[in-house]
């Protein structure tokens, strides 16, 4: 689980503002990154950002 401060840091460092995903999606990205696991999604924008 990612804290709010970790999510905000990911938004800032990952240049995620205005990229077409929501705050909950960024929480998913952060949690996947922190746990070193992949993220499976059918959301194309989220999938592209997860690959980056």
PDB file of N, CA and C in Angstrom:
ATOM      1  N   UNK A   1       0.843  -1.174   0.000  1.00  0.00           N
ATOM      2  CA  UNK A   1       0.000   0.000   0.000  1.00  0.00           C
ATOM      3  C   UNK A   1       0.891   1.241   0.000  1.00  0.00           C
ATOM      4  N   UNK A   2       0.566   2.191  -0.820  1.00  0.00           N
ATOM      5  CA  UNK A   2       1.334   3.431  -0.920  1.00  0.00           C
ATOM      6  C   UNK A   2       0.666   4.530  -0.094  1.00  0.00           C
ATOM      7  N   UNK A   3       1.469   5.305   0.583  1.00  0.00           N
ATOM      8  CA  UNK A   3       0.929   6.424   1.353  1.00  0.00           C
ATOM      9  C   UNK A   3       0.616   7.587   0.411  1.00  0.00           C
ATOM     10  N   UNK A   4      -0.154   8.530   0.901  1.00  0.00           N
ATOM     11  CA  UNK A   4      -0.490   9.698   0.088  1.00  0.00           C
ATOM     12  C   UNK A   4       0.756  10.473  -0.325  1.00  0.00           C
ATOM     13  N   UNK A   5       1.715  10.585   0.581  1.00  0.00           N
ATOM     14  CA  UNK A   5       2.937  11.323   0.248  1.00  0.00           C
ATOM     15  C   UNK A   5       3.740  10.602  -0.838  1.00  0.00           C
ATOM     16  N   UNK A   6       3.749   9.281  -0.813  1.00  0.00           N
ATOM     17  CA  UNK A   6       4.443   8.514  -1.860  1.00  0.00           C
ATOM     18  C   UNK A   6       3.751   8.691  -3.213  1.00  0.00           C
ATOM     19  N   UNK A   7       2.440   8.719  -3.193  1.00  0.00           N
ATOM     20  CA  UNK A   7       1.684   8.909  -4.432  1.00  0.00           C
ATOM     21  C   UNK A   7       1.932  10.299  -4.998  1.00  0.00           C
ATOM     22  N   UNK A   8       1.900  11.301  -4.154  1.00  0.00           N
ATOM     23  CA  UNK A   8       2.153  12.664  -4.621  1.00  0.00           C
ATOM     24  C   UNK A   8       3.564  12.803  -5.178  1.00  0.00           C
ATOM     25  N   UNK A   9       4.514  12.142  -4.563  1.00  0.00           N
ATOM     26  CA  UNK A   9       5.884  12.158  -5.061  1.00  0.00           C
ATOM     27  C   UNK A   9       5.974  11.486  -6.420  1.00  0.00           C
ATOM     28  N   UNK A  10       5.266  10.379  -6.603  1.00  0.00           N
ATOM     29  CA  UNK A  10       5.253   9.687  -7.891  1.00  0.00           C
ATOM     30  C   UNK A  10       4.622  10.565  -8.969  1.00  0.00           C
ATOM     31  N   UNK A  11       3.555  11.273  -8.627  1.00  0.00           N
ATOM     32  CA  UNK A  11       2.919  12.177  -9.587  1.00  0.00           C
ATOM     33  C   UNK A  11       3.909  13.250 -10.020  1.00  0.00           C
ATOM     34  N   UNK A  12       4.639  13.797  -9.050  1.00  0.00           N
ATOM     35  CA  UNK A  12       5.592  14.862  -9.343  1.00  0.00           C
ATOM     36  C   UNK A  12       6.795  14.359 -10.138  1.00  0.00           C
ATOM     37  N   UNK A  13       7.433  13.312  -9.660  1.00  0.00           N
ATOM     38  CA  UNK A  13       8.655  12.815 -10.309  1.00  0.00           C
ATOM     39  C   UNK A  13       8.378  12.094 -11.625  1.00  0.00           C
ATOM     40  N   UNK A  14       7.209  11.478 -11.722  1.00  0.00           N
ATOM     41  CA  UNK A  14       6.870  10.735 -12.925  1.00  0.00           C
ATOM     42  C   UNK A  14       6.154  11.566 -13.978  1.00  0.00           C
ATOM     43  N   UNK A  15       5.997  12.862 -13.701  1.00  0.00           N
ATOM     44  CA  UNK A  15       5.289  13.754 -14.626  1.00  0.00           C
ATOM     45  C   UNK A  15       3.941  13.166 -15.035  1.00  0.00           C
ATOM     46  N   UNK A  16       3.155  12.758 -14.041  1.00  0.00           N
ATOM     47  CA  UNK A  16       1.883  12.097 -14.305  1.00  0.00           C
ATOM     48  C   UNK A  16       0.697  13.049 -14.356  1.00  0.00           C
ATOM     49  N   UNK A  17       0.894  14.308 -13.988  1.00  0.00           N
ATOM     50  CA  UNK A  17      -0.192  15.273 -14.002  1.00  0.00           C
ATOM     51  C   UNK A  17      -0.628  15.509 -15.449  1.00  0.00           C
ATOM     52  N   UNK A  18      -1.921  15.386 -15.705  1.00  0.00           N
ATOM     53  CA  UNK A  18      -2.454  15.633 -17.040  1.00  0.00           C
ATOM     54  C   UNK A  18      -2.214  14.512 -18.031  1.00  0.00           C
ATOM     55  N   UNK A  19      -1.893  13.322 -17.553  1.00  0.00           N
ATOM     56  CA  UNK A  19      -1.603  12.193 -18.445  1.00  0.00           C
ATOM     57  C   UNK A  19      -2.819  11.288 -18.658  1.00  0.00           C
ATOM     58  N   UNK A  20      -3.967  11.659 -18.096  1.00  0.00           N
ATOM     59  CA  UNK A  20      -5.199  10.923 -18.370  1.00  0.00           C
ATOM     60  C   UNK A  20      -5.521   9.795 -17.417  1.00  0.00           C
ATOM     61  N   UNK A  21      -4.851   9.745 -16.265  1.00  0.00           N
ATOM     62  CA  UNK A  21      -5.201   8.744 -15.260  1.00  0.00           C
ATOM     63  C   UNK A  21      -5.579   9.467 -13.974  1.00  0.00           C
ATOM     64  N   UNK A  22      -6.337   8.787 -13.140  1.00  0.00           N
ATOM     65  CA  UNK A  22      -6.812   9.383 -11.905  1.00  0.00           C
ATOM     66  C   UNK A  22      -5.922   9.078 -10.715  1.00  0.00           C
ATOM     67  N   UNK A  23      -6.308   9.642  -9.593  1.00  0.00           N
ATOM     68  CA  UNK A  23      -5.545   9.496  -8.356  1.00  0.00           C
ATOM     69  C   UNK A  23      -5.507   8.034  -7.899  1.00  0.00           C
ATOM     70  N   UNK A  24      -6.614   7.315  -8.059  1.00  0.00           N
ATOM     71  CA  UNK A  24      -6.661   5.906  -7.673  1.00  0.00           C
ATOM     72  C   UNK A  24      -5.713   5.098  -8.554  1.00  0.00           C
ATOM     73  N   UNK A  25      -5.662   5.438  -9.849  1.00  0.00           N
ATOM     74  CA  UNK A  25      -4.740   4.754 -10.759  1.00  0.00           C
ATOM     75  C   UNK A  25      -3.287   4.974 -10.342  1.00  0.00           C
ATOM     76  N   UNK A  26      -2.970   6.171  -9.904  1.00  0.00           N
ATOM     77  CA  UNK A  26      -1.608   6.452  -9.450  1.00  0.00           C
ATOM     78  C   UNK A  26      -1.306   5.672  -8.180  1.00  0.00           C
ATOM     79  N   UNK A  27      -2.298   5.498  -7.315  1.00  0.00           N
ATOM     80  CA  UNK A  27      -2.125   4.663  -6.127  1.00  0.00           C
ATOM     81  C   UNK A  27      -1.776   3.235  -6.536  1.00  0.00           C
ATOM     82  N   UNK A  28      -2.449   2.711  -7.554  1.00  0.00           N
ATOM     83  CA  UNK A  28      -2.148   1.368  -8.049  1.00  0.00           C
ATOM     84  C   UNK A  28      -0.727   1.284  -8.589  1.00  0.00           C
ATOM     85  N   UNK A  29      -0.321   2.283  -9.368  1.00  0.00           N
ATOM     86  CA  UNK A  29       1.046   2.311  -9.899  1.00  0.00           C
ATOM     87  C   UNK A  29       2.072   2.343  -8.774  1.00  0.00           C
ATOM     88  N   UNK A  30       1.826   3.188  -7.786  1.00  0.00           N
ATOM     89  CA  UNK A  30       2.762   3.315  -6.670  1.00  0.00           C
ATOM     90  C   UNK A  30       2.861   2.014  -5.881  1.00  0.00           C
ATOM     91  N   UNK A  31       1.726   1.380  -5.619  1.00  0.00           N
ATOM     92  CA  UNK A  31       1.729   0.123  -4.866  1.00  0.00           C
ATOM     93  C   UNK A  31       2.459  -0.970  -5.643  1.00  0.00           C
ATOM     94  N   UNK A  32       2.249  -1.026  -6.952  1.00  0.00           N
ATOM     95  CA  UNK A  32       2.943  -2.020  -7.773  1.00  0.00           C
ATOM     96  C   UNK A  32       4.441  -1.769  -7.771  1.00  0.00           C
ATOM     97  N   UNK A  33       4.814  -0.508  -7.858  1.00  0.00           N
ATOM     98  CA  UNK A  33       6.238  -0.162  -7.862  1.00  0.00           C
ATOM     99  C   UNK A  33       6.891  -0.499  -6.521  1.00  0.00           C
ATOM    100  N   UNK A  34       6.215  -0.188  -5.426  1.00  0.00           N
ATOM    101  CA  UNK A  34       6.765  -0.462  -4.100  1.00  0.00           C
ATOM    102  C   UNK A  34       6.902  -1.959  -3.820  1.00  0.00           C
ATOM    103  N   UNK A  35       5.997  -2.757  -4.374  1.00  0.00           N
ATOM    104  CA  UNK A  35       6.040  -4.192  -4.116  1.00  0.00           C
ATOM    105  C   UNK A  35       6.795  -4.963  -5.199  1.00  0.00           C
ATOM    106  N   UNK A  36       7.349  -4.235  -6.168  1.00  0.00           N
ATOM    107  CA  UNK A  36       8.133  -4.837  -7.254  1.00  0.00           C
ATOM    108  C   UNK A  36       7.349  -5.905  -8.011  1.00  0.00           C
ATOM    109  N   UNK A  37       6.083  -5.586  -8.313  1.00  0.00           N
ATOM    110  CA  UNK A  37       5.276  -6.528  -9.075  1.00  0.00           C
ATOM    111  C   UNK A  37       4.704  -5.821 -10.301  1.00  0.00           C
ATOM    112  N   UNK A  38       4.251  -6.606 -11.246  1.00  0.00           N
ATOM    113  CA  UNK A  38       3.659  -6.048 -12.454  1.00  0.00           C
ATOM    114  C   UNK A  38       2.229  -5.612 -12.206  1.00  0.00           C
ATOM    115  N   UNK A  39       1.723  -4.842 -13.134  1.00  0.00           N
ATOM    116  CA  UNK A  39       0.349  -4.355 -13.036  1.00  0.00           C
ATOM    117  C   UNK A  39      -0.383  -4.764 -14.304  1.00  0.00           C
ATOM    118  N   UNK A  40      -1.423  -5.555 -14.166  1.00  0.00           N
ATOM    119  CA  UNK A  40      -2.236  -5.967 -15.304  1.00  0.00           C
ATOM    120  C   UNK A  40      -3.480  -5.096 -15.336  1.00  0.00           C
ATOM    121  N   UNK A  41      -3.760  -4.511 -16.477  1.00  0.00           N
ATOM    122  CA  UNK A  41      -4.925  -3.661 -16.614  1.00  0.00           C
ATOM    123  C   UNK A  41      -5.389  -3.657 -18.057  1.00  0.00           C
ATOM    124  N   UNK A  42      -6.669  -3.406 -18.262  1.00  0.00           N
ATOM    125  CA  UNK A  42      -7.200  -3.229 -19.601  1.00  0.00           C
ATOM    126  C   UNK A  42      -7.298  -1.758 -19.960  1.00  0.00           C
ATOM    127  N   UNK A  43      -6.991  -0.884 -19.018  1.00  0.00           N
ATOM    128  CA  UNK A  43      -6.983   0.560 -19.256  1.00  0.00           C
ATOM    129  C   UNK A  43      -5.719   0.905 -20.036  1.00  0.00           C
ATOM    130  N   UNK A  44      -5.870   1.361 -21.263  1.00  0.00           N
ATOM    131  CA  UNK A  44      -4.716   1.600 -22.128  1.00  0.00           C
ATOM    132  C   UNK A  44      -3.765   2.666 -21.584  1.00  0.00           C
ATOM    133  N   UNK A  45      -4.313   3.762 -21.098  1.00  0.00           N
ATOM    134  CA  UNK A  45      -3.446   4.826 -20.566  1.00  0.00           C
ATOM    135  C   UNK A  45      -2.652   4.348 -19.355  1.00  0.00           C
ATOM    136  N   UNK A  46      -3.318   3.639 -18.472  1.00  0.00           N
ATOM    137  CA  UNK A  46      -2.658   3.112 -17.288  1.00  0.00           C
ATOM    138  C   UNK A  46      -1.607   2.086 -17.681  1.00  0.00           C
ATOM    139  N   UNK A  47      -1.890   1.249 -18.648  1.00  0.00           N
ATOM    140  CA  UNK A  47      -0.938   0.248 -19.109  1.00  0.00           C
ATOM    141  C   UNK A  47       0.322   0.905 -19.689  1.00  0.00           C
ATOM    142  N   UNK A  48       0.140   1.955 -20.464  1.00  0.00           N
ATOM    143  CA  UNK A  48       1.288   2.661 -21.047  1.00  0.00           C
ATOM    144  C   UNK A  48       2.143   3.264 -19.953  1.00  0.00           C
ATOM    145  N   UNK A  49       1.529   3.891 -18.987  1.00  0.00           N
ATOM    146  CA  UNK A  49       2.299   4.498 -17.889  1.00  0.00           C
ATOM    147  C   UNK A  49       2.961   3.449 -17.014  1.00  0.00           C
ATOM    148  N   UNK A  50       2.333   2.309 -16.849  1.00  0.00           N
ATOM    149  CA  UNK A  50       2.930   1.224 -16.060  1.00  0.00           C
ATOM    150  C   UNK A  50       4.173   0.697 -16.770  1.00  0.00           C
ATOM    151  N   UNK A  51       4.169   0.656 -18.089  1.00  0.00           N
ATOM    152  CA  UNK A  51       5.332   0.203 -18.851  1.00  0.00           C
ATOM    153  C   UNK A  51       6.486   1.193 -18.735  1.00  0.00           C
ATOM    154  N   UNK A  52       6.156   2.476 -18.679  1.00  0.00           N
ATOM    155  CA  UNK A  52       7.189   3.506 -18.567  1.00  0.00           C
ATOM    156  C   UNK A  52       7.890   3.388 -17.240  1.00  0.00           C
TER     157      UNK A  52
END
